Amino acid sequence: MGARPGAGLRGVQPQARPAAVRRRRHGAGRRARRPRRDVRRQRLPVPARAPHRDHAEGRAAARRVAAPAGLEIAHRYLPARSGVGGDWYDVVPLPGDKVAVVIGDSVGHGVAAAAAMGQLRVAAHTLASCEFPPAEVLQRLDSIAQDLDAAQFATCLCMVCDPATLRCELACAGHPPPLLALPDGTARRFAFPHGLPLGVSDPAHPADYEQAAARIPPGATLAFYTDGLVESRMRNIDEGIARLASALVASQAGSLEETADGVLALLADQQGHDDIALLLIRPAG
């Protein structure tokens, strides 16, 4: 439990934020609202959701998560003190006993972030249920995000996993990288193709999302999370990712539920500043 920050982390390279994201996060260079484009081929019904001031939606999402045969899943959602946020995650059962895992973060707090989160979450669930590959899920979500408020963008990570083989396909839209804690006491990034956040690309030049394949080793713990767990005013995101890797390694000896609790206990100083979502996956048995 007392692992030195950054210990055991292999292969973690600094994560550069796209220039467009840096401008949007700090409120500079905001573009005028873009004209609506024709996305009839890609558009799916996306019913708007009213924001829940008590974070009931986040708790309801947690109750609906179910692990498929062959995998263990533990998950936590901690709201920020400042109000409604935009963190979300989902686990979608697929034919052939496969499962899709989606985690995202609509940047900001308040009604706008919650509304964007609700629309993107419903769309992501629908797209994943239609068995689109992860890269196409993100491409279609990016088209939907173009029609959201011009001040909003979102990060997202989508994975499809076959529990029988532990083979996974992943695509990423500006989201922090998943981490893999190994039984030998080390940690590293899982497959991590880079891609622009949802909603920041030029409609005339839509984002192109790559897809990567990787396998979860037996006994390893795979962690998905939002930036509230790794970023703060005290440290940059790369330092935060190193701290999370150390916390995963220090906590993975127990059950997966104990690992989730241990990680949050070791990173307790992150809580309250921003929404935190954490989802852990481990091969069963």
C-alpha atoms as a PDB file:
ATOM      1  CA  MET A   1       0.000   0.000   0.000  1.00  0.00           C
ATOM      2  CA  GLY A   2       2.974   2.315   0.428  1.00  0.00           C
ATOM      3  CA  ALA A   3       4.371   2.131  -3.110  1.00  0.00           C
ATOM      4  CA  ARG A   4       6.473   5.098  -4.231  1.00  0.00           C
ATOM      5  CA  PRO A   5       4.625   7.226  -6.836  1.00  0.00           C
ATOM      6  CA  GLY A   6       5.564   6.024 -10.303  1.00  0.00           C
ATOM      7  CA  ALA A   7       7.106   2.751  -9.107  1.00  0.00           C
ATOM      8  CA  GLY A   8       6.596  -0.234 -11.361  1.00  0.00           C
ATOM      9  CA  LEU A   9       5.351   1.769 -14.349  1.00  0.00           C
ATOM     10  CA  ARG A  10       6.827   0.736 -17.677  1.00  0.00           C
ATOM     11  CA  GLY A  11       6.441   2.290 -21.071  1.00  0.00           C
ATOM     12  CA  VAL A  12       4.465   5.372 -20.056  1.00  0.00           C
ATOM     13  CA  GLN A  13       5.222   8.227 -22.420  1.00  0.00           C
ATOM     14  CA  PRO A  14       4.161  11.819 -21.767  1.00  0.00           C
ATOM     15  CA  GLN A  15       0.648  12.415 -22.999  1.00  0.00           C
ATOM     16  CA  ALA A  16       0.397  15.519 -25.120  1.00  0.00           C
ATOM     17  CA  ARG A  17      -2.943  17.247 -25.365  1.00  0.00           C
ATOM     18  CA  PRO A  18      -4.005  18.309 -28.863  1.00  0.00           C
ATOM     19  CA  ALA A  19      -3.641  22.048 -29.404  1.00  0.00           C
ATOM     20  CA  ALA A  20      -7.352  22.336 -30.077  1.00  0.00           C
ATOM     21  CA  VAL A  21      -8.101  20.808 -26.683  1.00  0.00           C
ATOM     22  CA  ARG A  22      -5.754  23.165 -24.868  1.00  0.00           C
ATOM     23  CA  ARG A  23      -7.425  26.181 -26.435  1.00  0.00           C
ATOM     24  CA  ARG A  24     -10.924  24.921 -25.665  1.00  0.00           C
ATOM     25  CA  ARG A  25     -10.143  23.943 -22.065  1.00  0.00           C
ATOM     26  CA  HIS A  26      -8.841  27.427 -21.229  1.00  0.00           C
ATOM     27  CA  GLY A  27     -11.603  29.242 -23.019  1.00  0.00           C
ATOM     28  CA  ALA A  28      -9.412  30.752 -25.729  1.00  0.00           C
ATOM     29  CA  GLY A  29      -9.928  30.536 -29.445  1.00  0.00           C
ATOM     30  CA  ARG A  30     -13.555  29.470 -29.173  1.00  0.00           C
ATOM     31  CA  ARG A  31     -15.012  29.054 -32.615  1.00  0.00           C
ATOM     32  CA  ALA A  32     -18.376  30.359 -33.653  1.00  0.00           C
ATOM     33  CA  ARG A  33     -21.118  27.761 -33.835  1.00  0.00           C
ATOM     34  CA  ARG A  34     -20.491  25.594 -36.868  1.00  0.00           C
ATOM     35  CA  PRO A  35     -23.214  25.106 -39.448  1.00  0.00           C
ATOM     36  CA  ARG A  36     -25.088  21.860 -39.027  1.00  0.00           C
ATOM     37  CA  ARG A  37     -23.847  19.239 -41.418  1.00  0.00           C
ATOM     38  CA  ASP A  38     -25.663  16.392 -43.041  1.00  0.00           C
ATOM     39  CA  VAL A  39     -25.014  13.271 -41.006  1.00  0.00           C
ATOM     40  CA  ARG A  40     -28.151  11.414 -41.955  1.00  0.00           C
ATOM     41  CA  ARG A  41     -26.172   8.272 -42.673  1.00  0.00           C
ATOM     42  CA  GLN A  42     -24.581   8.323 -39.249  1.00  0.00           C
ATOM     43  CA  ARG A  43     -27.198   9.949 -37.038  1.00  0.00           C
ATOM     44  CA  LEU A  44     -28.958   7.871 -34.421  1.00  0.00           C
ATOM     45  CA  PRO A  45     -31.839   8.926 -32.186  1.00  0.00           C
ATOM     46  CA  VAL A  46     -30.262  10.591 -29.152  1.00  0.00           C
ATOM     47  CA  PRO A  47     -32.925  11.570 -26.627  1.00  0.00           C
ATOM     48  CA  ALA A  48     -31.843  14.384 -24.329  1.00  0.00           C
ATOM     49  CA  ARG A  49     -31.645  13.634 -20.640  1.00  0.00           C
ATOM     50  CA  ALA A  50     -32.342  16.104 -17.889  1.00  0.00           C
ATOM     51  CA  PRO A  51     -29.358  16.571 -15.553  1.00  0.00           C
ATOM     52  CA  HIS A  52     -29.610  14.953 -12.125  1.00  0.00           C
ATOM     53  CA  ARG A  53     -28.368  17.339  -9.461  1.00  0.00           C
ATOM     54  CA  ASP A  54     -27.882  14.562  -6.908  1.00  0.00           C
ATOM     55  CA  HIS A  55     -25.858  12.398  -9.310  1.00  0.00           C
ATOM     56  CA  ALA A  56     -28.586   9.768  -9.335  1.00  0.00           C
ATOM     57  CA  GLU A  57     -27.743   9.004 -12.954  1.00  0.00           C
ATOM     58  CA  GLY A  58     -24.169   8.074 -12.051  1.00  0.00           C
ATOM     59  CA  ARG A  59     -25.343   5.769  -9.275  1.00  0.00           C
ATOM     60  CA  ALA A  60     -27.950   4.192 -11.548  1.00  0.00           C
ATOM     61  CA  ALA A  61     -25.279   3.524 -14.176  1.00  0.00           C
ATOM     62  CA  ALA A  62     -23.167   1.751 -11.575  1.00  0.00           C
ATOM     63  CA  ARG A  63     -26.075  -0.497 -10.582  1.00  0.00           C
ATOM     64  CA  ARG A  64     -26.626  -1.554 -14.182  1.00  0.00           C
ATOM     65  CA  VAL A  65     -23.046  -2.756 -14.772  1.00  0.00           C
ATOM     66  CA  ALA A  66     -22.862  -6.551 -14.956  1.00  0.00           C
ATOM     67  CA  ALA A  67     -19.790  -8.680 -15.614  1.00  0.00           C
ATOM     68  CA  PRO A  68     -19.997 -11.312 -18.376  1.00  0.00           C
ATOM     69  CA  ALA A  69     -18.867 -14.876 -17.792  1.00  0.00           C
ATOM     70  CA  GLY A  70     -15.075 -15.019 -17.728  1.00  0.00           C
ATOM     71  CA  LEU A  71     -14.491 -11.478 -16.431  1.00  0.00           C
ATOM     72  CA  GLU A  72     -14.696  -9.684 -13.090  1.00  0.00           C
ATOM     73  CA  ILE A  73     -15.661  -6.002 -13.097  1.00  0.00           C
ATOM     74  CA  ALA A  74     -15.510  -3.470 -10.268  1.00  0.00           C
ATOM     75  CA  HIS A  75     -16.497   0.162 -10.691  1.00  0.00           C
ATOM     76  CA  ARG A  76     -16.702   3.378  -8.705  1.00  0.00           C
ATOM     77  CA  TYR A  77     -18.165   6.822  -9.364  1.00  0.00           C
ATOM     78  CA  LEU A  78     -17.375   9.783  -7.095  1.00  0.00           C
ATOM     79  CA  PRO A  79     -18.967  13.180  -7.856  1.00  0.00           C
ATOM     80  CA  ALA A  80     -17.191  16.493  -7.574  1.00  0.00           C
ATOM     81  CA  ARG A  81     -18.185  18.907  -4.837  1.00  0.00           C
ATOM     82  CA  SER A  82     -18.835  21.646  -7.389  1.00  0.00           C
ATOM     83  CA  GLY A  83     -21.927  20.094  -8.949  1.00  0.00           C
ATOM     84  CA  VAL A  84     -23.084  17.934 -11.835  1.00  0.00           C
ATOM     85  CA  GLY A  85     -20.290  16.650 -14.052  1.00  0.00           C
ATOM     86  CA  GLY A  86     -19.924  14.762 -17.298  1.00  0.00           C
ATOM     87  CA  ASP A  87     -18.175  11.468 -16.408  1.00  0.00           C
ATOM     88  CA  TRP A  88     -19.855   8.243 -17.495  1.00  0.00           C
ATOM     89  CA  TYR A  89     -19.177   4.600 -18.249  1.00  0.00           C
ATOM     90  CA  ASP A  90     -21.087   1.632 -19.583  1.00  0.00           C
ATOM     91  CA  VAL A  91     -20.671  -2.113 -20.055  1.00  0.00           C
ATOM     92  CA  VAL A  92     -22.688  -3.448 -22.988  1.00  0.00           C
ATOM     93  CA  PRO A  93     -23.256  -7.210 -23.508  1.00  0.00           C
ATOM     94  CA  LEU A  94     -22.790  -8.319 -27.120  1.00  0.00           C
ATOM     95  CA  PRO A  95     -23.630 -11.488 -29.069  1.00  0.00           C
ATOM     96  CA  GLY A  96     -21.143 -14.323 -28.786  1.00  0.00           C
ATOM     97  CA  ASP A  97     -20.592 -13.587 -25.087  1.00  0.00           C
ATOM     98  CA  LYS A  98     -18.451 -10.555 -25.948  1.00  0.00           C
ATOM     99  CA  VAL A  99     -18.699  -7.259 -24.110  1.00  0.00           C
ATOM    100  CA  ALA A 100     -18.177  -3.601 -25.006  1.00  0.00           C
ATOM    101  CA  VAL A 101     -16.781  -1.186 -22.430  1.00  0.00           C
ATOM    102  CA  VAL A 102     -17.151   2.562 -22.944  1.00  0.00           C
ATOM    103  CA  ILE A 103     -15.926   5.348 -20.660  1.00  0.00           C
ATOM    104  CA  GLY A 104     -16.123   9.068 -21.358  1.00  0.00           C
ATOM    105  CA  ASP A 105     -15.907  12.556 -19.955  1.00  0.00           C
ATOM    106  CA  SER A 106     -17.838  15.554 -21.246  1.00  0.00           C
ATOM    107  CA  VAL A 107     -15.578  18.440 -20.268  1.00  0.00           C
ATOM    108  CA  GLY A 108     -16.891  20.883 -17.692  1.00  0.00           C
ATOM    109  CA  HIS A 109     -19.584  20.906 -15.019  1.00  0.00           C
ATOM    110  CA  GLY A 110     -23.198  21.944 -14.777  1.00  0.00           C
ATOM    111  CA  VAL A 111     -26.150  21.577 -17.093  1.00  0.00           C
ATOM    112  CA  ALA A 112     -24.199  21.742 -20.372  1.00  0.00           C
ATOM    113  CA  ALA A 113     -21.762  18.981 -19.361  1.00  0.00           C
ATOM    114  CA  ALA A 114     -24.530  16.773 -17.978  1.00  0.00           C
ATOM    115  CA  ALA A 115     -26.677  17.217 -21.092  1.00  0.00           C
ATOM    116  CA  ALA A 116     -23.768  16.389 -23.412  1.00  0.00           C
ATOM    117  CA  MET A 117     -22.881  13.380 -21.277  1.00  0.00           C
ATOM    118  CA  GLY A 118     -26.453  12.084 -21.412  1.00  0.00           C
ATOM    119  CA  GLN A 119     -26.687  12.326 -25.180  1.00  0.00           C
ATOM    120  CA  LEU A 120     -23.287  10.797 -25.862  1.00  0.00           C
ATOM    121  CA  ARG A 121     -23.813   7.996 -23.375  1.00  0.00           C
ATOM    122  CA  VAL A 122     -27.122   6.941 -24.933  1.00  0.00           C
ATOM    123  CA  ALA A 123     -25.610   7.129 -28.424  1.00  0.00           C
ATOM    124  CA  ALA A 124     -22.530   5.126 -27.400  1.00  0.00           C
ATOM    125  CA  HIS A 125     -24.676   2.399 -25.858  1.00  0.00           C
ATOM    126  CA  THR A 126     -26.773   2.185 -29.029  1.00  0.00           C
ATOM    127  CA  LEU A 127     -23.755   2.096 -31.339  1.00  0.00           C
ATOM    128  CA  ALA A 128     -21.946  -0.530 -29.277  1.00  0.00           C
ATOM    129  CA  SER A 129     -25.112  -2.651 -29.150  1.00  0.00           C
ATOM    130  CA  CYS A 130     -25.202  -2.557 -32.963  1.00  0.00           C
ATOM    131  CA  GLU A 131     -21.767  -4.278 -32.917  1.00  0.00           C
ATOM    132  CA  PHE A 132     -19.919  -1.475 -34.649  1.00  0.00           C
ATOM    133  CA  PRO A 133     -16.155  -1.823 -34.072  1.00  0.00           C
ATOM    134  CA  PRO A 134     -14.671   0.630 -31.537  1.00  0.00           C
ATOM    135  CA  ALA A 135     -13.141   2.951 -34.147  1.00  0.00           C
ATOM    136  CA  GLU A 136     -16.479   3.307 -35.943  1.00  0.00           C
ATOM    137  CA  VAL A 137     -18.294   3.885 -32.650  1.00  0.00           C
ATOM    138  CA  LEU A 138     -16.034   6.886 -32.048  1.00  0.00           C
ATOM    139  CA  GLN A 139     -16.346   8.170 -35.609  1.00  0.00           C
ATOM    140  CA  ARG A 140     -20.117   8.167 -35.322  1.00  0.00           C
ATOM    141  CA  LEU A 141     -20.016   9.709 -31.844  1.00  0.00           C
ATOM    142  CA  ASP A 142     -17.809  12.483 -33.228  1.00  0.00           C
ATOM    143  CA  SER A 143     -20.475  13.238 -35.839  1.00  0.00           C
ATOM    144  CA  ILE A 144     -23.084  13.469 -33.087  1.00  0.00           C
ATOM    145  CA  ALA A 145     -20.814  15.643 -30.940  1.00  0.00           C
ATOM    146  CA  GLN A 146     -20.563  18.156 -33.788  1.00  0.00           C
ATOM    147  CA  ASP A 147     -24.222  19.016 -33.157  1.00  0.00           C
ATOM    148  CA  LEU A 148     -23.762  19.618 -29.427  1.00  0.00           C
ATOM    149  CA  ASP A 149     -23.084  23.044 -27.937  1.00  0.00           C
ATOM    150  CA  ALA A 150     -19.999  24.583 -29.575  1.00  0.00           C
ATOM    151  CA  ALA A 151     -18.334  25.072 -26.178  1.00  0.00           C
ATOM    152  CA  GLN A 152     -18.435  21.351 -25.387  1.00  0.00           C
ATOM    153  CA  PHE A 153     -16.129  18.490 -26.289  1.00  0.00           C
ATOM    154  CA  ALA A 154     -15.688  15.064 -24.779  1.00  0.00           C
ATOM    155  CA  THR A 155     -13.098  12.338 -24.400  1.00  0.00           C
ATOM    156  CA  CYS A 156     -14.023   8.694 -24.842  1.00  0.00           C
ATOM    157  CA  LEU A 157     -12.485   5.237 -24.875  1.00  0.00           C
ATOM    158  CA  CYS A 158     -14.229   2.226 -26.415  1.00  0.00           C
ATOM    159  CA  MET A 159     -13.179  -1.415 -26.113  1.00  0.00           C
ATOM    160  CA  VAL A 160     -14.671  -4.723 -27.253  1.00  0.00           C
ATOM    161  CA  CYS A 161     -13.422  -7.791 -25.370  1.00  0.00           C
ATOM    162  CA  ASP A 162     -13.901 -11.518 -25.918  1.00  0.00           C
ATOM    163  CA  PRO A 163     -13.704 -13.101 -22.432  1.00  0.00           C
ATOM    164  CA  ALA A 164     -13.007 -16.519 -23.941  1.00  0.00           C
ATOM    165  CA  THR A 165      -9.708 -15.399 -25.479  1.00  0.00           C
ATOM    166  CA  LEU A 166      -9.168 -12.140 -23.507  1.00  0.00           C
ATOM    167  CA  ARG A 167      -8.488 -10.454 -26.855  1.00  0.00           C
ATOM    168  CA  CYS A 168      -9.538  -6.808 -26.989  1.00  0.00           C
ATOM    169  CA  GLU A 169      -9.982  -4.142 -29.674  1.00  0.00           C
ATOM    170  CA  LEU A 170      -9.686  -0.520 -28.561  1.00  0.00           C
ATOM    171  CA  ALA A 171     -10.096   2.982 -29.962  1.00  0.00           C
ATOM    172  CA  CYS A 172      -9.531   6.266 -28.156  1.00  0.00           C
ATOM    173  CA  ALA A 173     -10.800   9.835 -28.551  1.00  0.00           C
ATOM    174  CA  GLY A 174      -8.471  11.934 -26.410  1.00  0.00           C
ATOM    175  CA  HIS A 175      -9.093   9.905 -23.242  1.00  0.00           C
ATOM    176  CA  PRO A 176      -6.419   9.013 -20.652  1.00  0.00           C
ATOM    177  CA  PRO A 177      -4.783   5.660 -21.443  1.00  0.00           C
ATOM    178  CA  PRO A 178      -5.969   2.424 -19.818  1.00  0.00           C
ATOM    179  CA  LEU A 179      -3.440   0.890 -17.440  1.00  0.00           C
ATOM    180  CA  LEU A 180      -2.568  -2.771 -16.982  1.00  0.00           C
ATOM    181  CA  ALA A 181      -1.274  -3.936 -13.588  1.00  0.00           C
ATOM    182  CA  LEU A 182       0.573  -7.230 -14.015  1.00  0.00           C
ATOM    183  CA  PRO A 183       1.018 -10.072 -11.505  1.00  0.00           C
ATOM    184  CA  ASP A 184       4.792  -9.465 -11.429  1.00  0.00           C
ATOM    185  CA  GLY A 185       4.271  -6.115  -9.668  1.00  0.00           C
ATOM    186  CA  THR A 186       4.711  -3.838 -12.670  1.00  0.00           C
ATOM    187  CA  ALA A 187       2.257  -1.737 -14.651  1.00  0.00           C
ATOM    188  CA  ARG A 188       2.120  -0.419 -18.175  1.00  0.00           C
ATOM    189  CA  ARG A 189      -0.223   1.175 -20.631  1.00  0.00           C
ATOM    190  CA  PHE A 190      -2.605  -1.111 -22.438  1.00  0.00           C
ATOM    191  CA  ALA A 191      -3.172  -0.774 -26.199  1.00  0.00           C
ATOM    192  CA  PHE A 192      -3.597   2.946 -26.721  1.00  0.00           C
ATOM    193  CA  PRO A 193      -4.231   4.376 -30.200  1.00  0.00           C
ATOM    194  CA  HIS A 194      -4.332   8.175 -30.163  1.00  0.00           C
ATOM    195  CA  GLY A 195      -7.265  10.190 -31.498  1.00  0.00           C
ATOM    196  CA  LEU A 196      -8.819  13.635 -31.180  1.00  0.00           C
ATOM    197  CA  PRO A 197     -11.525  14.220 -28.562  1.00  0.00           C
ATOM    198  CA  LEU A 198     -15.099  14.090 -29.770  1.00  0.00           C
ATOM    199  CA  GLY A 199     -16.387  17.329 -31.229  1.00  0.00           C
ATOM    200  CA  VAL A 200     -13.126  19.216 -31.862  1.00  0.00           C
ATOM    201  CA  SER A 201     -12.415  18.202 -35.448  1.00  0.00           C
ATOM    202  CA  ASP A 202     -13.392  20.344 -38.413  1.00  0.00           C
ATOM    203  CA  PRO A 203     -16.627  19.013 -39.958  1.00  0.00           C
ATOM    204  CA  ALA A 204     -14.942  19.220 -43.364  1.00  0.00           C
ATOM    205  CA  HIS A 205     -12.095  17.040 -42.077  1.00  0.00           C
ATOM    206  CA  PRO A 206     -13.600  14.544 -39.599  1.00  0.00           C
ATOM    207  CA  ALA A 207     -11.377  12.759 -37.119  1.00  0.00           C
ATOM    208  CA  ASP A 208      -9.922   9.410 -38.130  1.00  0.00           C
ATOM    209  CA  TYR A 209      -9.768   6.967 -35.224  1.00  0.00           C
ATOM    210  CA  GLU A 210      -7.328   4.092 -35.205  1.00  0.00           C
ATOM    211  CA  GLN A 211      -8.046   0.723 -33.628  1.00  0.00           C
ATOM    212  CA  ALA A 212      -5.523  -1.387 -31.725  1.00  0.00           C
ATOM    213  CA  ALA A 213      -5.618  -5.003 -30.555  1.00  0.00           C
ATOM    214  CA  ALA A 214      -4.220  -6.407 -27.307  1.00  0.00           C
ATOM    215  CA  ARG A 215      -4.779  -9.276 -24.900  1.00  0.00           C
ATOM    216  CA  ILE A 216      -5.362  -9.106 -21.148  1.00  0.00           C
ATOM    217  CA  PRO A 217      -2.838 -11.439 -19.467  1.00  0.00           C
ATOM    218  CA  PRO A 218      -4.233 -13.911 -16.889  1.00  0.00           C
ATOM    219  CA  GLY A 219      -4.097 -12.416 -13.404  1.00  0.00           C
ATOM    220  CA  ALA A 220      -3.707  -8.846 -14.656  1.00  0.00           C
ATOM    221  CA  THR A 221      -5.960  -5.924 -13.780  1.00  0.00           C
ATOM    222  CA  LEU A 222      -7.060  -3.517 -16.499  1.00  0.00           C
ATOM    223  CA  ALA A 223      -8.052  -0.015 -15.350  1.00  0.00           C
ATOM    224  CA  PHE A 224     -10.230   2.538 -17.134  1.00  0.00           C
ATOM    225  CA  TYR A 225     -10.656   5.926 -15.478  1.00  0.00           C
ATOM    226  CA  THR A 226     -11.405   9.598 -16.056  1.00  0.00           C
ATOM    227  CA  ASP A 227      -8.988  12.490 -15.618  1.00  0.00           C
ATOM    228  CA  GLY A 228     -10.392  13.434 -12.211  1.00  0.00           C
ATOM    229  CA  LEU A 229      -8.385  10.523 -10.776  1.00  0.00           C
ATOM    230  CA  VAL A 230      -5.047  11.572 -12.273  1.00  0.00           C
ATOM    231  CA  GLU A 231      -5.062  15.337 -12.870  1.00  0.00           C
ATOM    232  CA  SER A 232      -5.074  18.205 -10.380  1.00  0.00           C
ATOM    233  CA  ARG A 233      -3.600  21.640  -9.747  1.00  0.00           C
ATOM    234  CA  MET A 234      -0.774  19.995  -7.786  1.00  0.00           C
ATOM    235  CA  ARG A 235       0.519  17.766 -10.586  1.00  0.00           C
ATOM    236  CA  ASN A 236       0.221  17.190 -14.317  1.00  0.00           C
ATOM    237  CA  ILE A 237      -1.617  14.271 -15.850  1.00  0.00           C
ATOM    238  CA  ASP A 238       1.513  12.200 -16.536  1.00  0.00           C
ATOM    239  CA  GLU A 239       2.514  12.351 -12.868  1.00  0.00           C
ATOM    240  CA  GLY A 240      -1.042  11.431 -11.949  1.00  0.00           C
ATOM    241  CA  ILE A 241      -1.005   8.407 -14.264  1.00  0.00           C
ATOM    242  CA  ALA A 242       2.220   7.241 -12.619  1.00  0.00           C
ATOM    243  CA  ARG A 243       0.591   7.569  -9.168  1.00  0.00           C
ATOM    244  CA  LEU A 244      -2.414   5.568 -10.357  1.00  0.00           C
ATOM    245  CA  ALA A 245      -0.130   2.836 -11.717  1.00  0.00           C
ATOM    246  CA  SER A 246       1.592   2.582  -8.326  1.00  0.00           C
ATOM    247  CA  ALA A 247      -1.758   2.452  -6.525  1.00  0.00           C
ATOM    248  CA  LEU A 248      -2.971  -0.346  -8.816  1.00  0.00           C
ATOM    249  CA  VAL A 249       0.150  -2.421  -8.216  1.00  0.00           C
ATOM    250  CA  ALA A 250      -0.042  -1.861  -4.452  1.00  0.00           C
ATOM    251  CA  SER A 251      -3.729  -2.794  -4.264  1.00  0.00           C
ATOM    252  CA  GLN A 252      -4.165  -5.701  -6.672  1.00  0.00           C
ATOM    253  CA  ALA A 253      -3.400  -8.569  -4.262  1.00  0.00           C
ATOM    254  CA  GLY A 254      -6.981  -8.731  -2.936  1.00  0.00           C
ATOM    255  CA  SER A 255     -10.317  -9.116  -4.670  1.00  0.00           C
ATOM    256  CA  LEU A 256     -11.185  -6.728  -7.467  1.00  0.00           C
ATOM    257  CA  GLU A 257     -13.583  -4.838  -5.186  1.00  0.00           C
ATOM    258  CA  GLU A 258     -10.769  -4.479  -2.641  1.00  0.00           C
ATOM    259  CA  THR A 259      -8.464  -3.271  -5.413  1.00  0.00           C
ATOM    260  CA  ALA A 260     -10.935  -0.538  -6.374  1.00  0.00           C
ATOM    261  CA  ASP A 261     -11.275   0.578  -2.749  1.00  0.00           C
ATOM    262  CA  GLY A 262      -7.504   0.468  -2.254  1.00  0.00           C
ATOM    263  CA  VAL A 263      -6.812   2.618  -5.309  1.00  0.00           C
ATOM    264  CA  LEU A 264      -9.263   5.289  -4.186  1.00  0.00           C
ATOM    265  CA  ALA A 265      -7.867   5.227  -0.647  1.00  0.00           C
ATOM    266  CA  LEU A 266      -4.304   5.739  -1.897  1.00  0.00           C
ATOM    267  CA  LEU A 267      -5.447   8.574  -4.168  1.00  0.00           C
ATOM    268  CA  ALA A 268      -7.848  10.153  -1.676  1.00  0.00           C
ATOM    269  CA  ASP A 269      -6.343  13.611  -2.265  1.00  0.00           C
ATOM    270  CA  GLN A 270      -7.862  13.560  -5.774  1.00  0.00           C
ATOM    271  CA  GLN A 271     -11.419  13.292  -4.536  1.00  0.00           C
ATOM    272  CA  GLY A 272     -13.867  16.191  -4.601  1.00  0.00           C
ATOM    273  CA  HIS A 273     -12.063  18.406  -7.112  1.00  0.00           C
ATOM    274  CA  ASP A 274     -13.552  16.744 -10.186  1.00  0.00           C
ATOM    275  CA  ASP A 275     -15.797  13.793 -10.982  1.00  0.00           C
ATOM    276  CA  ILE A 276     -13.985  10.457 -10.744  1.00  0.00           C
ATOM    277  CA  ALA A 277     -14.933   7.300 -12.607  1.00  0.00           C
ATOM    278  CA  LEU A 278     -12.945   4.080 -12.181  1.00  0.00           C
ATOM    279  CA  LEU A 279     -13.696   0.752 -13.855  1.00  0.00           C
ATOM    280  CA  LEU A 280     -11.501  -2.309 -13.292  1.00  0.00           C
ATOM    281  CA  ILE A 281     -11.519  -5.547 -15.292  1.00  0.00           C
ATOM    282  CA  ARG A 282      -9.787  -8.805 -14.382  1.00  0.00           C
ATOM    283  CA  PRO A 283      -9.982 -12.272 -15.943  1.00  0.00           C
ATOM    284  CA  ALA A 284     -12.046 -14.540 -13.701  1.00  0.00           C
ATOM    285  CA  GLY A 285     -10.512 -17.573 -12.059  1.00  0.00           C
END
